[in-house]
Structures are given as structure tokens and as C-alpha cells.
Amino acid sequence: MTNFIKGLLRLRRGPWEMLATILIALGVFMLMQPFALVLFTYSFIVTLIGTVMFIIVSHFPE
């Protein structure tokens, strides 16, 4: 866990890509769930933020 946090603080690609991927997956889950309208409402913006974050993070050093 500390390596993950250190990687985030050092702007390394691996941990930030994992965080962006989790955001994308969370957004897709929020889009497909039938329970809460609030989650559905914010699903597109969460997916969009994760996608833009992934594009930016892919230029970070390994």
C-alpha cells in the first residue's frame, strides 16, 4: 500500500493508471446499476474523468 501511495506522489504511471482504470470501471458500474438515480446521473462524468485521466497519465514516466 505504501508503494502505491509513493507512486502517486511521485507521479508514476502505474498507480495513476490503476486509479484511472478504477474510475472508468466505477463509472460503467454506475451507468448499469438499476438502484439509484443519483449514481446514474453522475456516471457519465465519472467515466469521462477516468478516460481523460488515463490519457494524461499515459504520458507520465514509468
PDB file of N, CA and C in Angstrom:
ATOM      1  N   MET A   1       0.815  -1.188   0.000  1.00  0.00           N
ATOM      2  CA  MET A   1       0.000   0.000   0.000  1.00  0.00           C
ATOM      3  C   MET A   1       0.863   1.259   0.000  1.00  0.00           C
ATOM      4  N   THR A   2       1.969   1.224   0.705  1.00  0.00           N
ATOM      5  CA  THR A   2       2.823   2.412   0.740  1.00  0.00           C
ATOM      6  C   THR A   2       3.497   2.647  -0.600  1.00  0.00           C
ATOM      7  N   ASN A   3       3.808   1.570  -1.339  1.00  0.00           N
ATOM      8  CA  ASN A   3       4.384   1.741  -2.676  1.00  0.00           C
ATOM      9  C   ASN A   3       3.387   2.418  -3.613  1.00  0.00           C
ATOM     10  N   PHE A   4       2.116   2.088  -3.454  1.00  0.00           N
ATOM     11  CA  PHE A   4       1.070   2.702  -4.271  1.00  0.00           C
ATOM     12  C   PHE A   4       0.989   4.199  -3.989  1.00  0.00           C
ATOM     13  N   ILE A   5       1.005   4.557  -2.716  1.00  0.00           N
ATOM     14  CA  ILE A   5       0.925   5.974  -2.339  1.00  0.00           C
ATOM     15  C   ILE A   5       2.175   6.721  -2.770  1.00  0.00           C
ATOM     16  N   LYS A   6       3.347   6.100  -2.607  1.00  0.00           N
ATOM     17  CA  LYS A   6       4.592   6.733  -3.059  1.00  0.00           C
ATOM     18  C   LYS A   6       4.588   6.937  -4.568  1.00  0.00           C
ATOM     19  N   GLY A   7       4.048   5.978  -5.302  1.00  0.00           N
ATOM     20  CA  GLY A   7       3.949   6.101  -6.759  1.00  0.00           C
ATOM     21  C   GLY A   7       3.025   7.232  -7.173  1.00  0.00           C
ATOM     22  N   LEU A   8       1.935   7.415  -6.418  1.00  0.00           N
ATOM     23  CA  LEU A   8       1.033   8.527  -6.710  1.00  0.00           C
ATOM     24  C   LEU A   8       1.726   9.861  -6.465  1.00  0.00           C
ATOM     25  N   LEU A   9       2.452   9.953  -5.377  1.00  0.00           N
ATOM     26  CA  LEU A   9       3.110  11.209  -5.037  1.00  0.00           C
ATOM     27  C   LEU A   9       4.265  11.530  -5.981  1.00  0.00           C
ATOM     28  N   ARG A  10       4.887  10.513  -6.534  1.00  0.00           N
ATOM     29  CA  ARG A  10       5.999  10.717  -7.473  1.00  0.00           C
ATOM     30  C   ARG A  10       5.539  10.841  -8.922  1.00  0.00           C
ATOM     31  N   LEU A  11       4.238  10.846  -9.134  1.00  0.00           N
ATOM     32  CA  LEU A  11       3.643  10.928 -10.475  1.00  0.00           C
ATOM     33  C   LEU A  11       4.162   9.825 -11.396  1.00  0.00           C
ATOM     34  N   ARG A  12       4.117   8.600 -10.916  1.00  0.00           N
ATOM     35  CA  ARG A  12       4.498   7.447 -11.726  1.00  0.00           C
ATOM     36  C   ARG A  12       3.275   6.899 -12.443  1.00  0.00           C
ATOM     37  N   ARG A  13       3.509   6.287 -13.581  1.00  0.00           N
ATOM     38  CA  ARG A  13       2.420   5.856 -14.452  1.00  0.00           C
ATOM     39  C   ARG A  13       1.555   4.756 -13.851  1.00  0.00           C
ATOM     40  N   GLY A  14       2.152   3.746 -13.274  1.00  0.00           N
ATOM     41  CA  GLY A  14       1.416   2.572 -12.803  1.00  0.00           C
ATOM     42  C   GLY A  14       0.273   2.874 -11.849  1.00  0.00           C
ATOM     43  N   PRO A  15       0.545   3.519 -10.717  1.00  0.00           N
ATOM     44  CA  PRO A  15      -0.545   3.779  -9.772  1.00  0.00           C
ATOM     45  C   PRO A  15      -1.618   4.717 -10.326  1.00  0.00           C
ATOM     46  N   TRP A  16      -1.224   5.709 -11.110  1.00  0.00           N
ATOM     47  CA  TRP A  16      -2.212   6.642 -11.667  1.00  0.00           C
ATOM     48  C   TRP A  16      -3.074   5.959 -12.726  1.00  0.00           C
ATOM     49  N   GLU A  17      -2.473   5.053 -13.513  1.00  0.00           N
ATOM     50  CA  GLU A  17      -3.271   4.299 -14.491  1.00  0.00           C
ATOM     51  C   GLU A  17      -4.271   3.404 -13.778  1.00  0.00           C
ATOM     52  N   MET A  18      -3.843   2.806 -12.665  1.00  0.00           N
ATOM     53  CA  MET A  18      -4.760   1.951 -11.916  1.00  0.00           C
ATOM     54  C   MET A  18      -5.924   2.770 -11.373  1.00  0.00           C
ATOM     55  N   LEU A  19      -5.643   3.949 -10.856  1.00  0.00           N
ATOM     56  CA  LEU A  19      -6.697   4.819 -10.344  1.00  0.00           C
ATOM     57  C   LEU A  19      -7.650   5.250 -11.460  1.00  0.00           C
ATOM     58  N   ALA A  20      -7.112   5.586 -12.625  1.00  0.00           N
ATOM     59  CA  ALA A  20      -7.954   5.974 -13.761  1.00  0.00           C
ATOM     60  C   ALA A  20      -8.813   4.801 -14.221  1.00  0.00           C
ATOM     61  N   THR A  21      -8.247   3.616 -14.243  1.00  0.00           N
ATOM     62  CA  THR A  21      -8.999   2.428 -14.643  1.00  0.00           C
ATOM     63  C   THR A  21     -10.125   2.136 -13.659  1.00  0.00           C
ATOM     64  N   ILE A  22      -9.850   2.315 -12.375  1.00  0.00           N
ATOM     65  CA  ILE A  22     -10.890   2.113 -11.365  1.00  0.00           C
ATOM     66  C   ILE A  22     -12.013   3.128 -11.548  1.00  0.00           C
ATOM     67  N   LEU A  23     -11.670   4.369 -11.871  1.00  0.00           N
ATOM     68  CA  LEU A  23     -12.699   5.384 -12.117  1.00  0.00           C
ATOM     69  C   LEU A  23     -13.557   5.023 -13.326  1.00  0.00           C
ATOM     70  N   ILE A  24     -12.927   4.540 -14.387  1.00  0.00           N
ATOM     71  CA  ILE A  24     -13.677   4.132 -15.579  1.00  0.00           C
ATOM     72  C   ILE A  24     -14.623   2.982 -15.242  1.00  0.00           C
ATOM     73  N   ALA A  25     -14.120   1.990 -14.518  1.00  0.00           N
ATOM     74  CA  ALA A  25     -14.955   0.841 -14.137  1.00  0.00           C
ATOM     75  C   ALA A  25     -16.086   1.272 -13.211  1.00  0.00           C
ATOM     76  N   LEU A  26     -15.800   2.185 -12.288  1.00  0.00           N
ATOM     77  CA  LEU A  26     -16.834   2.689 -11.394  1.00  0.00           C
ATOM     78  C   LEU A  26     -17.911   3.432 -12.176  1.00  0.00           C
ATOM     79  N   GLY A  27     -17.506   4.230 -13.162  1.00  0.00           N
ATOM     80  CA  GLY A  27     -18.472   4.947 -13.985  1.00  0.00           C
ATOM     81  C   GLY A  27     -19.366   4.006 -14.783  1.00  0.00           C
ATOM     82  N   VAL A  28     -18.775   2.948 -15.319  1.00  0.00           N
ATOM     83  CA  VAL A  28     -19.574   1.970 -16.074  1.00  0.00           C
ATOM     84  C   VAL A  28     -20.540   1.242 -15.135  1.00  0.00           C
ATOM     85  N   PHE A  29     -20.056   0.896 -13.945  1.00  0.00           N
ATOM     86  CA  PHE A  29     -20.944   0.256 -12.965  1.00  0.00           C
ATOM     87  C   PHE A  29     -22.099   1.181 -12.596  1.00  0.00           C
ATOM     88  N   MET A  30     -21.781   2.460 -12.370  1.00  0.00           N
ATOM     89  CA  MET A  30     -22.813   3.432 -12.022  1.00  0.00           C
ATOM     90  C   MET A  30     -23.838   3.564 -13.152  1.00  0.00           C
ATOM     91  N   LEU A  31     -23.387   3.426 -14.387  1.00  0.00           N
ATOM     92  CA  LEU A  31     -24.279   3.532 -15.535  1.00  0.00           C
ATOM     93  C   LEU A  31     -25.231   2.349 -15.624  1.00  0.00           C
ATOM     94  N   MET A  32     -24.772   1.161 -15.249  1.00  0.00           N
ATOM     95  CA  MET A  32     -25.560  -0.047 -15.446  1.00  0.00           C
ATOM     96  C   MET A  32     -26.415  -0.458 -14.253  1.00  0.00           C
ATOM     97  N   GLN A  33     -26.214   0.160 -13.104  1.00  0.00           N
ATOM     98  CA  GLN A  33     -26.974  -0.266 -11.925  1.00  0.00           C
ATOM     99  C   GLN A  33     -28.402   0.292 -11.985  1.00  0.00           C
ATOM    100  N   PRO A  34     -29.366  -0.488 -11.528  1.00  0.00           N
ATOM    101  CA  PRO A  34     -30.769  -0.042 -11.615  1.00  0.00           C
ATOM    102  C   PRO A  34     -31.334   0.528 -10.310  1.00  0.00           C
ATOM    103  N   PHE A  35     -30.491   0.799  -9.295  1.00  0.00           N
ATOM    104  CA  PHE A  35     -30.998   1.118  -7.964  1.00  0.00           C
ATOM    105  C   PHE A  35     -31.104   2.610  -7.671  1.00  0.00           C
ATOM    106  N   ALA A  36     -30.061   3.376  -7.954  1.00  0.00           N
ATOM    107  CA  ALA A  36     -30.034   4.772  -7.520  1.00  0.00           C
ATOM    108  C   ALA A  36     -29.905   5.696  -8.726  1.00  0.00           C
ATOM    109  N   LEU A  37     -30.828   6.604  -8.852  1.00  0.00           N
ATOM    110  CA  LEU A  37     -30.821   7.554  -9.958  1.00  0.00           C
ATOM    111  C   LEU A  37     -29.639   8.530  -9.849  1.00  0.00           C
ATOM    112  N   VAL A  38     -29.217   8.839  -8.634  1.00  0.00           N
ATOM    113  CA  VAL A  38     -28.088   9.752  -8.434  1.00  0.00           C
ATOM    114  C   VAL A  38     -26.804   9.159  -9.025  1.00  0.00           C
ATOM    115  N   LEU A  39     -26.589   7.867  -8.817  1.00  0.00           N
ATOM    116  CA  LEU A  39     -25.403   7.215  -9.382  1.00  0.00           C
ATOM    117  C   LEU A  39     -25.459   7.238 -10.908  1.00  0.00           C
ATOM    118  N   PHE A  40     -26.629   6.967 -11.448  1.00  0.00           N
ATOM    119  CA  PHE A  40     -26.790   7.002 -12.893  1.00  0.00           C
ATOM    120  C   PHE A  40     -26.535   8.403 -13.439  1.00  0.00           C
ATOM    121  N   THR A  41     -26.969   9.416 -12.696  1.00  0.00           N
ATOM    122  CA  THR A  41     -26.820  10.802 -13.136  1.00  0.00           C
ATOM    123  C   THR A  41     -25.347  11.187 -13.284  1.00  0.00           C
ATOM    124  N   TYR A  42     -24.512  10.751 -12.357  1.00  0.00           N
ATOM    125  CA  TYR A  42     -23.098  11.130 -12.379  1.00  0.00           C
ATOM    126  C   TYR A  42     -22.196  10.105 -13.078  1.00  0.00           C
ATOM    127  N   SER A  43     -22.754   9.064 -13.635  1.00  0.00           N
ATOM    128  CA  SER A  43     -21.942   8.014 -14.237  1.00  0.00           C
ATOM    129  C   SER A  43     -21.140   8.506 -15.438  1.00  0.00           C
ATOM    130  N   PHE A  44     -21.746   9.340 -16.276  1.00  0.00           N
ATOM    131  CA  PHE A  44     -21.031   9.807 -17.468  1.00  0.00           C
ATOM    132  C   PHE A  44     -19.836  10.664 -17.092  1.00  0.00           C
ATOM    133  N   ILE A  45     -19.999  11.566 -16.130  1.00  0.00           N
ATOM    134  CA  ILE A  45     -18.898  12.448 -15.759  1.00  0.00           C
ATOM    135  C   ILE A  45     -17.766  11.662 -15.097  1.00  0.00           C
ATOM    136  N   VAL A  46     -18.094  10.643 -14.314  1.00  0.00           N
ATOM    137  CA  VAL A  46     -17.062   9.814 -13.687  1.00  0.00           C
ATOM    138  C   VAL A  46     -16.292   9.043 -14.754  1.00  0.00           C
ATOM    139  N   THR A  47     -16.994   8.478 -15.726  1.00  0.00           N
ATOM    140  CA  THR A  47     -16.337   7.765 -16.814  1.00  0.00           C
ATOM    141  C   THR A  47     -15.480   8.710 -17.646  1.00  0.00           C
ATOM    142  N   LEU A  48     -15.979   9.894 -17.911  1.00  0.00           N
ATOM    143  CA  LEU A  48     -15.230  10.878 -18.683  1.00  0.00           C
ATOM    144  C   LEU A  48     -13.972  11.326 -17.950  1.00  0.00           C
ATOM    145  N   ILE A  49     -14.071  11.583 -16.663  1.00  0.00           N
ATOM    146  CA  ILE A  49     -12.893  11.974 -15.882  1.00  0.00           C
ATOM    147  C   ILE A  49     -11.854  10.860 -15.883  1.00  0.00           C
ATOM    148  N   GLY A  50     -12.290   9.617 -15.713  1.00  0.00           N
ATOM    149  CA  GLY A  50     -11.357   8.487 -15.746  1.00  0.00           C
ATOM    150  C   GLY A  50     -10.685   8.337 -17.094  1.00  0.00           C
ATOM    151  N   THR A  51     -11.422   8.549 -18.173  1.00  0.00           N
ATOM    152  CA  THR A  51     -10.848   8.425 -19.515  1.00  0.00           C
ATOM    153  C   THR A  51      -9.838   9.525 -19.791  1.00  0.00           C
ATOM    154  N   VAL A  52     -10.183  10.762 -19.459  1.00  0.00           N
ATOM    155  CA  VAL A  52      -9.251  11.875 -19.664  1.00  0.00           C
ATOM    156  C   VAL A  52      -8.026  11.696 -18.773  1.00  0.00           C
ATOM    157  N   MET A  53      -8.228  11.242 -17.551  1.00  0.00           N
ATOM    158  CA  MET A  53      -7.112  10.994 -16.648  1.00  0.00           C
ATOM    159  C   MET A  53      -6.190   9.921 -17.217  1.00  0.00           C
ATOM    160  N   PHE A  54      -6.767   8.867 -17.792  1.00  0.00           N
ATOM    161  CA  PHE A  54      -5.953   7.799 -18.369  1.00  0.00           C
ATOM    162  C   PHE A  54      -5.122   8.325 -19.540  1.00  0.00           C
ATOM    163  N   ILE A  55      -5.702   9.171 -20.360  1.00  0.00           N
ATOM    164  CA  ILE A  55      -4.970   9.732 -21.499  1.00  0.00           C
ATOM    165  C   ILE A  55      -3.814  10.591 -21.011  1.00  0.00           C
ATOM    166  N   ILE A  56      -4.046  11.408 -20.004  1.00  0.00           N
ATOM    167  CA  ILE A  56      -2.986  12.273 -19.480  1.00  0.00           C
ATOM    168  C   ILE A  56      -1.900  11.447 -18.787  1.00  0.00           C
ATOM    169  N   VAL A  57      -2.316  10.477 -17.983  1.00  0.00           N
ATOM    170  CA  VAL A  57      -1.373   9.666 -17.210  1.00  0.00           C
ATOM    171  C   VAL A  57      -0.505   8.796 -18.106  1.00  0.00           C
ATOM    172  N   SER A  58      -0.999   8.449 -19.277  1.00  0.00           N
ATOM    173  CA  SER A  58      -0.199   7.600 -20.168  1.00  0.00           C
ATOM    174  C   SER A  58       1.068   8.303 -20.650  1.00  0.00           C
ATOM    175  N   HIS A  59       1.184   9.602 -20.387  1.00  0.00           N
ATOM    176  CA  HIS A  59       2.397  10.338 -20.748  1.00  0.00           C
ATOM    177  C   HIS A  59       3.351  10.491 -19.567  1.00  0.00           C
ATOM    178  N   PHE A  60       2.984   9.992 -18.382  1.00  0.00           N
ATOM    179  CA  PHE A  60       3.866  10.049 -17.212  1.00  0.00           C
ATOM    180  C   PHE A  60       5.022   9.078 -17.389  1.00  0.00           C
ATOM    181  N   PRO A  61       6.155   9.319 -16.722  1.00  0.00           N
ATOM    182  CA  PRO A  61       7.273   8.348 -16.785  1.00  0.00           C
ATOM    183  C   PRO A  61       6.956   7.097 -15.987  1.00  0.00           C
ATOM    184  N   GLU A  62       7.566   5.999 -16.379  1.00  0.00           N
ATOM    185  CA  GLU A  62       7.368   4.741 -15.652  1.00  0.00           C
ATOM    186  C   GLU A  62       8.255   4.791 -14.471  1.00  0.00           C
TER     187      GLU A  62
END
